[in-house]
Amino acid sequence: MKLLEEKILQDGIVKEGNVLKVDSFLNHQLDIDLFTEMGKEFKRLFADRPVNKILTIEASGIAIACIAAQQFHVPVVFAKKAKSINLEGEMYTTKIESFTHKRTYDVIVAKKFLSADDHILIIDDFLANGCAVEGLIDLIRSAGATVEGVGIAIEKGFQQGGKNLRNKGIRVESLAIVDSMDAATGKIVFREQ
């Protein structure tokens, strides 16, 4: 998606440790016009799938998932990283290691929000090592639901997450795939799609 790539080149900052900082438009301050176009693109890419629910993980994936859900006219469920007192009933749980935060989370979704009848599209902001998506797939499979695909805003193509998921037969559609980036020069190279 050229619009997203242009925004990354314009406002993204490459930092040491393979970190791409896009907080001015994607995961702190949100560019809703850009999100609307990303939502339309996810709908176009997955129009052939019988999606009836979108699943993401808190926190940065929620906004993108909500905008995409408007295009699909389906609800969004987000996996929580901590159990709160207002969560009740049985839960699906899994563990997810965060690349950005360098920690492991217990992630939960109430069983009442995922069922075997669901056809789920996973939406998230970043794909690096794939741990978050793998965890969400685990939750979906625990419910007996169907994974219809994975929609990612930005994939770090030089890390193994996308390749590993695709090798497992998971359909992954990333709107921008970064093949390389250099913190010293700030240069970002995108994969041709």
C-alpha atoms as a PDB file:
ATOM      1  CA  MET A   1       0.000   0.000   0.000  1.00  0.00           C
ATOM      2  CA  LYS A   2       1.858   3.015  -1.313  1.00  0.00           C
ATOM      3  CA  LEU A   3       0.025   5.487   0.922  1.00  0.00           C
ATOM      4  CA  LEU A   4       1.246   3.699   4.064  1.00  0.00           C
ATOM      5  CA  GLU A   5       4.781   3.316   2.677  1.00  0.00           C
ATOM      6  CA  GLU A   6       4.899   7.052   1.921  1.00  0.00           C
ATOM      7  CA  LYS A   7       3.725   7.869   5.444  1.00  0.00           C
ATOM      8  CA  ILE A   8       6.405   5.584   6.925  1.00  0.00           C
ATOM      9  CA  LEU A   9       9.108   7.263   4.820  1.00  0.00           C
ATOM     10  CA  GLN A  10       7.828  10.717   5.744  1.00  0.00           C
ATOM     11  CA  ASP A  11       7.255  10.272   9.478  1.00  0.00           C
ATOM     12  CA  GLY A  12       8.780   6.947  10.557  1.00  0.00           C
ATOM     13  CA  ILE A  13      11.995   6.890  12.587  1.00  0.00           C
ATOM     14  CA  VAL A  14      14.394   3.943  12.520  1.00  0.00           C
ATOM     15  CA  LYS A  15      15.969   3.229  15.889  1.00  0.00           C
ATOM     16  CA  GLU A  16      18.648   0.800  17.042  1.00  0.00           C
ATOM     17  CA  GLY A  17      17.503  -2.773  17.673  1.00  0.00           C
ATOM     18  CA  ASN A  18      15.299  -3.034  14.570  1.00  0.00           C
ATOM     19  CA  VAL A  19      12.715  -0.638  15.981  1.00  0.00           C
ATOM     20  CA  LEU A  20      10.576   1.389  13.577  1.00  0.00           C
ATOM     21  CA  LYS A  21       8.958   4.265  15.448  1.00  0.00           C
ATOM     22  CA  VAL A  22       5.640   5.248  13.877  1.00  0.00           C
ATOM     23  CA  ASP A  23       3.955   6.740  16.910  1.00  0.00           C
ATOM     24  CA  SER A  24       3.071   9.997  15.114  1.00  0.00           C
ATOM     25  CA  PHE A  25       0.457   8.230  12.959  1.00  0.00           C
ATOM     26  CA  LEU A  26       0.010   4.537  13.857  1.00  0.00           C
ATOM     27  CA  ASN A  27       0.380   3.558  17.487  1.00  0.00           C
ATOM     28  CA  HIS A  28       0.193   6.647  19.701  1.00  0.00           C
ATOM     29  CA  GLN A  29      -1.254   9.491  17.653  1.00  0.00           C
ATOM     30  CA  LEU A  30      -3.597   7.992  15.063  1.00  0.00           C
ATOM     31  CA  ASP A  31      -4.059   9.158  11.466  1.00  0.00           C
ATOM     32  CA  ILE A  32      -7.717   8.203  11.024  1.00  0.00           C
ATOM     33  CA  ASP A  33      -7.799   9.077   7.313  1.00  0.00           C
ATOM     34  CA  LEU A  34      -4.883   6.675   6.790  1.00  0.00           C
ATOM     35  CA  PHE A  35      -6.615   4.039   8.956  1.00  0.00           C
ATOM     36  CA  THR A  36      -9.754   4.371   6.836  1.00  0.00           C
ATOM     37  CA  GLU A  37      -7.747   3.623   3.691  1.00  0.00           C
ATOM     38  CA  MET A  38      -6.043   0.678   5.441  1.00  0.00           C
ATOM     39  CA  GLY A  39      -9.465  -0.658   6.468  1.00  0.00           C
ATOM     40  CA  LYS A  40     -10.671  -0.463   2.865  1.00  0.00           C
ATOM     41  CA  GLU A  41      -7.545  -2.280   1.702  1.00  0.00           C
ATOM     42  CA  PHE A  42      -8.007  -5.080   4.266  1.00  0.00           C
ATOM     43  CA  LYS A  43     -11.603  -5.445   3.059  1.00  0.00           C
ATOM     44  CA  ARG A  44     -10.414  -5.658  -0.551  1.00  0.00           C
ATOM     45  CA  LEU A  45      -7.706  -8.199   0.295  1.00  0.00           C
ATOM     46  CA  PHE A  46     -10.021 -10.448   2.319  1.00  0.00           C
ATOM     47  CA  ALA A  47     -13.271  -9.901   0.389  1.00  0.00           C
ATOM     48  CA  ASP A  48     -13.253 -13.590  -0.597  1.00  0.00           C
ATOM     49  CA  ARG A  49     -13.279 -14.757   3.048  1.00  0.00           C
ATOM     50  CA  PRO A  50     -16.435 -15.225   5.175  1.00  0.00           C
ATOM     51  CA  VAL A  51     -15.168 -13.018   8.013  1.00  0.00           C
ATOM     52  CA  ASN A  52     -17.692 -12.573  10.820  1.00  0.00           C
ATOM     53  CA  LYS A  53     -15.332 -11.312  13.538  1.00  0.00           C
ATOM     54  CA  ILE A  54     -12.016  -9.500  13.816  1.00  0.00           C
ATOM     55  CA  LEU A  55      -9.535 -10.379  16.562  1.00  0.00           C
ATOM     56  CA  THR A  56      -6.626  -8.242  17.717  1.00  0.00           C
ATOM     57  CA  ILE A  57      -4.554  -7.724  20.832  1.00  0.00           C
ATOM     58  CA  GLU A  58      -4.439  -4.680  23.059  1.00  0.00           C
ATOM     59  CA  ALA A  59      -3.425  -2.005  22.667  1.00  0.00           C
ATOM     60  CA  SER A  60      -2.046  -0.772  19.325  1.00  0.00           C
ATOM     61  CA  GLY A  61      -4.023  -3.166  17.159  1.00  0.00           C
ATOM     62  CA  ILE A  62      -7.423  -2.071  18.454  1.00  0.00           C
ATOM     63  CA  ALA A  63      -7.806   1.148  16.462  1.00  0.00           C
ATOM     64  CA  ILE A  64      -6.834  -0.462  13.147  1.00  0.00           C
ATOM     65  CA  ALA A  65      -9.089  -3.436  13.864  1.00  0.00           C
ATOM     66  CA  CYS A  66     -12.044  -1.145  14.602  1.00  0.00           C
ATOM     67  CA  ILE A  67     -11.650   0.788  11.373  1.00  0.00           C
ATOM     68  CA  ALA A  68     -11.298  -2.464   9.401  1.00  0.00           C
ATOM     69  CA  ALA A  69     -14.379  -3.863  11.154  1.00  0.00           C
ATOM     70  CA  GLN A  70     -16.420  -0.940   9.818  1.00  0.00           C
ATOM     71  CA  GLN A  71     -15.626  -2.163   6.308  1.00  0.00           C
ATOM     72  CA  PHE A  72     -16.581  -5.764   7.126  1.00  0.00           C
ATOM     73  CA  HIS A  73     -19.577  -4.785   9.320  1.00  0.00           C
ATOM     74  CA  VAL A  74     -18.455  -7.213  12.017  1.00  0.00           C
ATOM     75  CA  PRO A  75     -17.505  -6.915  15.701  1.00  0.00           C
ATOM     76  CA  VAL A  76     -13.980  -6.653  17.050  1.00  0.00           C
ATOM     77  CA  VAL A  77     -12.718  -8.767  19.926  1.00  0.00           C
ATOM     78  CA  PHE A  78      -9.437  -7.806  21.512  1.00  0.00           C
ATOM     79  CA  ALA A  79      -7.315 -10.121  23.590  1.00  0.00           C
ATOM     80  CA  LYS A  80      -6.456  -8.594  26.959  1.00  0.00           C
ATOM     81  CA  LYS A  81      -2.983  -8.699  28.460  1.00  0.00           C
ATOM     82  CA  ALA A  82      -4.254  -8.664  32.032  1.00  0.00           C
ATOM     83  CA  LYS A  83      -7.293 -10.043  33.776  1.00  0.00           C
ATOM     84  CA  SER A  84      -9.452  -7.336  35.316  1.00  0.00           C
ATOM     85  CA  ILE A  85     -12.213  -7.612  37.886  1.00  0.00           C
ATOM     86  CA  ASN A  86     -14.903  -7.008  35.269  1.00  0.00           C
ATOM     87  CA  LEU A  87     -13.922 -10.110  33.276  1.00  0.00           C
ATOM     88  CA  GLU A  88     -16.088 -13.016  34.250  1.00  0.00           C
ATOM     89  CA  GLY A  89     -16.773 -16.537  33.106  1.00  0.00           C
ATOM     90  CA  GLU A  90     -14.470 -18.944  31.346  1.00  0.00           C
ATOM     91  CA  MET A  91     -11.478 -17.670  29.395  1.00  0.00           C
ATOM     92  CA  TYR A  92      -9.248 -18.819  26.593  1.00  0.00           C
ATOM     93  CA  THR A  93      -5.650 -18.068  27.555  1.00  0.00           C
ATOM     94  CA  THR A  94      -2.265 -18.162  25.890  1.00  0.00           C
ATOM     95  CA  LYS A  95       1.188 -16.666  26.385  1.00  0.00           C
ATOM     96  CA  ILE A  96       2.635 -14.075  24.020  1.00  0.00           C
ATOM     97  CA  GLU A  97       6.140 -12.653  23.948  1.00  0.00           C
ATOM     98  CA  SER A  98       6.274  -9.003  22.899  1.00  0.00           C
ATOM     99  CA  PHE A  99       9.147  -7.949  20.613  1.00  0.00           C
ATOM    100  CA  THR A 100       8.679  -4.286  21.515  1.00  0.00           C
ATOM    101  CA  HIS A 101       8.268  -4.664  25.263  1.00  0.00           C
ATOM    102  CA  LYS A 102      10.669  -7.599  25.702  1.00  0.00           C
ATOM    103  CA  ARG A 103       8.309  -9.449  28.032  1.00  0.00           C
ATOM    104  CA  THR A 104       5.826 -12.315  28.043  1.00  0.00           C
ATOM    105  CA  TYR A 105       2.128 -11.694  28.631  1.00  0.00           C
ATOM    106  CA  ASP A 106      -0.708 -13.997  29.629  1.00  0.00           C
ATOM    107  CA  VAL A 107      -3.344 -13.076  27.076  1.00  0.00           C
ATOM    108  CA  ILE A 108      -7.028 -13.788  27.565  1.00  0.00           C
ATOM    109  CA  VAL A 109     -10.340 -13.697  25.717  1.00  0.00           C
ATOM    110  CA  ALA A 110     -13.661 -14.533  27.326  1.00  0.00           C
ATOM    111  CA  LYS A 111     -15.041 -17.763  25.851  1.00  0.00           C
ATOM    112  CA  LYS A 112     -18.391 -16.095  25.204  1.00  0.00           C
ATOM    113  CA  PHE A 113     -16.753 -13.960  22.475  1.00  0.00           C
ATOM    114  CA  LEU A 114     -15.152 -16.770  20.422  1.00  0.00           C
ATOM    115  CA  SER A 115     -17.023 -19.828  19.183  1.00  0.00           C
ATOM    116  CA  ALA A 116     -16.629 -22.661  16.713  1.00  0.00           C
ATOM    117  CA  ASP A 117     -18.978 -20.793  14.338  1.00  0.00           C
ATOM    118  CA  ASP A 118     -16.618 -17.838  14.013  1.00  0.00           C
ATOM    119  CA  HIS A 119     -14.558 -17.062  10.917  1.00  0.00           C
ATOM    120  CA  ILE A 120     -11.900 -14.737  12.228  1.00  0.00           C
ATOM    121  CA  LEU A 121      -9.601 -12.222  10.610  1.00  0.00           C
ATOM    122  CA  ILE A 122      -6.657 -11.209  12.793  1.00  0.00           C
ATOM    123  CA  ILE A 123      -5.621  -7.561  12.458  1.00  0.00           C
ATOM    124  CA  ASP A 124      -2.540  -6.013  14.074  1.00  0.00           C
ATOM    125  CA  ASP A 125      -0.238  -3.037  13.633  1.00  0.00           C
ATOM    126  CA  PHE A 126       3.122  -4.856  13.410  1.00  0.00           C
ATOM    127  CA  LEU A 127       4.425  -8.301  12.538  1.00  0.00           C
ATOM    128  CA  ALA A 128       8.021  -9.003  13.589  1.00  0.00           C
ATOM    129  CA  ASN A 129       8.699 -12.418  15.099  1.00  0.00           C
ATOM    130  CA  GLY A 130       5.031 -13.409  14.900  1.00  0.00           C
ATOM    131  CA  CYS A 131       4.552 -14.231  18.582  1.00  0.00           C
ATOM    132  CA  ALA A 132       1.411 -12.111  18.994  1.00  0.00           C
ATOM    133  CA  VAL A 133      -0.238 -13.575  15.901  1.00  0.00           C
ATOM    134  CA  GLU A 134       0.741 -17.122  16.899  1.00  0.00           C
ATOM    135  CA  GLY A 135      -0.870 -16.512  20.284  1.00  0.00           C
ATOM    136  CA  LEU A 136      -4.060 -15.178  18.702  1.00  0.00           C
ATOM    137  CA  ILE A 137      -4.185 -18.206  16.396  1.00  0.00           C
ATOM    138  CA  ASP A 138      -3.848 -20.403  19.483  1.00  0.00           C
ATOM    139  CA  LEU A 139      -6.859 -18.654  21.050  1.00  0.00           C
ATOM    140  CA  ILE A 140      -8.898 -19.065  17.853  1.00  0.00           C
ATOM    141  CA  ARG A 141      -8.056 -22.745  17.576  1.00  0.00           C
ATOM    142  CA  SER A 142      -8.855 -23.278  21.268  1.00  0.00           C
ATOM    143  CA  ALA A 143     -12.355 -22.030  20.464  1.00  0.00           C
ATOM    144  CA  GLY A 144     -12.640 -24.325  17.436  1.00  0.00           C
ATOM    145  CA  ALA A 145     -13.043 -21.256  15.226  1.00  0.00           C
ATOM    146  CA  THR A 146     -11.568 -20.722  11.756  1.00  0.00           C
ATOM    147  CA  VAL A 147      -8.614 -18.443  10.998  1.00  0.00           C
ATOM    148  CA  GLU A 148      -9.517 -16.690   7.751  1.00  0.00           C
ATOM    149  CA  GLY A 149      -6.292 -14.739   7.567  1.00  0.00           C
ATOM    150  CA  VAL A 150      -4.005 -12.166   9.117  1.00  0.00           C
ATOM    151  CA  GLY A 151      -3.962  -8.497   8.138  1.00  0.00           C
ATOM    152  CA  ILE A 152      -0.913  -6.516   9.212  1.00  0.00           C
ATOM    153  CA  ALA A 153      -0.217  -2.809   8.779  1.00  0.00           C
ATOM    154  CA  ILE A 154       3.595  -3.086   8.838  1.00  0.00           C
ATOM    155  CA  GLU A 155       5.567  -6.316   8.541  1.00  0.00           C
ATOM    156  CA  LYS A 156       9.279  -6.457   9.247  1.00  0.00           C
ATOM    157  CA  GLY A 157      10.113  -8.781   6.372  1.00  0.00           C
ATOM    158  CA  PHE A 158      13.678  -9.259   7.567  1.00  0.00           C
ATOM    159  CA  GLN A 159      12.365 -11.013  10.694  1.00  0.00           C
ATOM    160  CA  GLN A 160      10.882 -14.508  10.609  1.00  0.00           C
ATOM    161  CA  GLY A 161       7.271 -13.939  11.720  1.00  0.00           C
ATOM    162  CA  GLY A 162       5.652 -13.544   8.312  1.00  0.00           C
ATOM    163  CA  LYS A 163       7.678 -16.304   6.703  1.00  0.00           C
ATOM    164  CA  ASN A 164       6.896 -18.742   9.531  1.00  0.00           C
ATOM    165  CA  LEU A 165       3.158 -18.035   9.386  1.00  0.00           C
ATOM    166  CA  ARG A 166       3.024 -18.357   5.607  1.00  0.00           C
ATOM    167  CA  ASN A 167       4.988 -21.628   5.793  1.00  0.00           C
ATOM    168  CA  LYS A 168       2.244 -22.933   8.109  1.00  0.00           C
ATOM    169  CA  GLY A 169      -0.373 -22.157   5.467  1.00  0.00           C
ATOM    170  CA  ILE A 170      -1.706 -18.995   7.136  1.00  0.00           C
ATOM    171  CA  ARG A 171      -2.741 -16.293   4.701  1.00  0.00           C
ATOM    172  CA  VAL A 172      -0.888 -13.115   5.708  1.00  0.00           C
ATOM    173  CA  GLU A 173      -1.546  -9.820   3.942  1.00  0.00           C
ATOM    174  CA  SER A 174       0.706  -6.959   5.016  1.00  0.00           C
ATOM    175  CA  LEU A 175       0.080  -3.449   3.749  1.00  0.00           C
ATOM    176  CA  ALA A 176       3.767  -2.510   3.941  1.00  0.00           C
ATOM    177  CA  ILE A 177       6.664  -4.940   4.218  1.00  0.00           C
ATOM    178  CA  VAL A 178       9.979  -3.474   5.346  1.00  0.00           C
ATOM    179  CA  ASP A 179      12.819  -5.557   3.879  1.00  0.00           C
ATOM    180  CA  SER A 180      15.554  -3.556   5.574  1.00  0.00           C
ATOM    181  CA  MET A 181      16.124  -0.475   7.645  1.00  0.00           C
ATOM    182  CA  ASP A 182      19.228   1.253   8.912  1.00  0.00           C
ATOM    183  CA  ALA A 183      19.245   3.227  12.154  1.00  0.00           C
ATOM    184  CA  ALA A 184      22.468   5.043  11.208  1.00  0.00           C
ATOM    185  CA  THR A 185      21.118   6.435   7.932  1.00  0.00           C
ATOM    186  CA  GLY A 186      17.374   6.210   8.569  1.00  0.00           C
ATOM    187  CA  LYS A 187      17.001   4.379   5.248  1.00  0.00           C
ATOM    188  CA  ILE A 188      13.985   2.078   4.849  1.00  0.00           C
ATOM    189  CA  VAL A 189      13.600  -0.364   1.957  1.00  0.00           C
ATOM    190  CA  PHE A 190      10.181  -1.844   1.168  1.00  0.00           C
ATOM    191  CA  ARG A 191       9.446  -5.153  -0.508  1.00  0.00           C
ATOM    192  CA  GLU A 192       7.750  -4.874  -3.872  1.00  0.00           C
ATOM    193  CA  GLN A 193       4.211  -6.255  -3.632  1.00  0.00           C
END
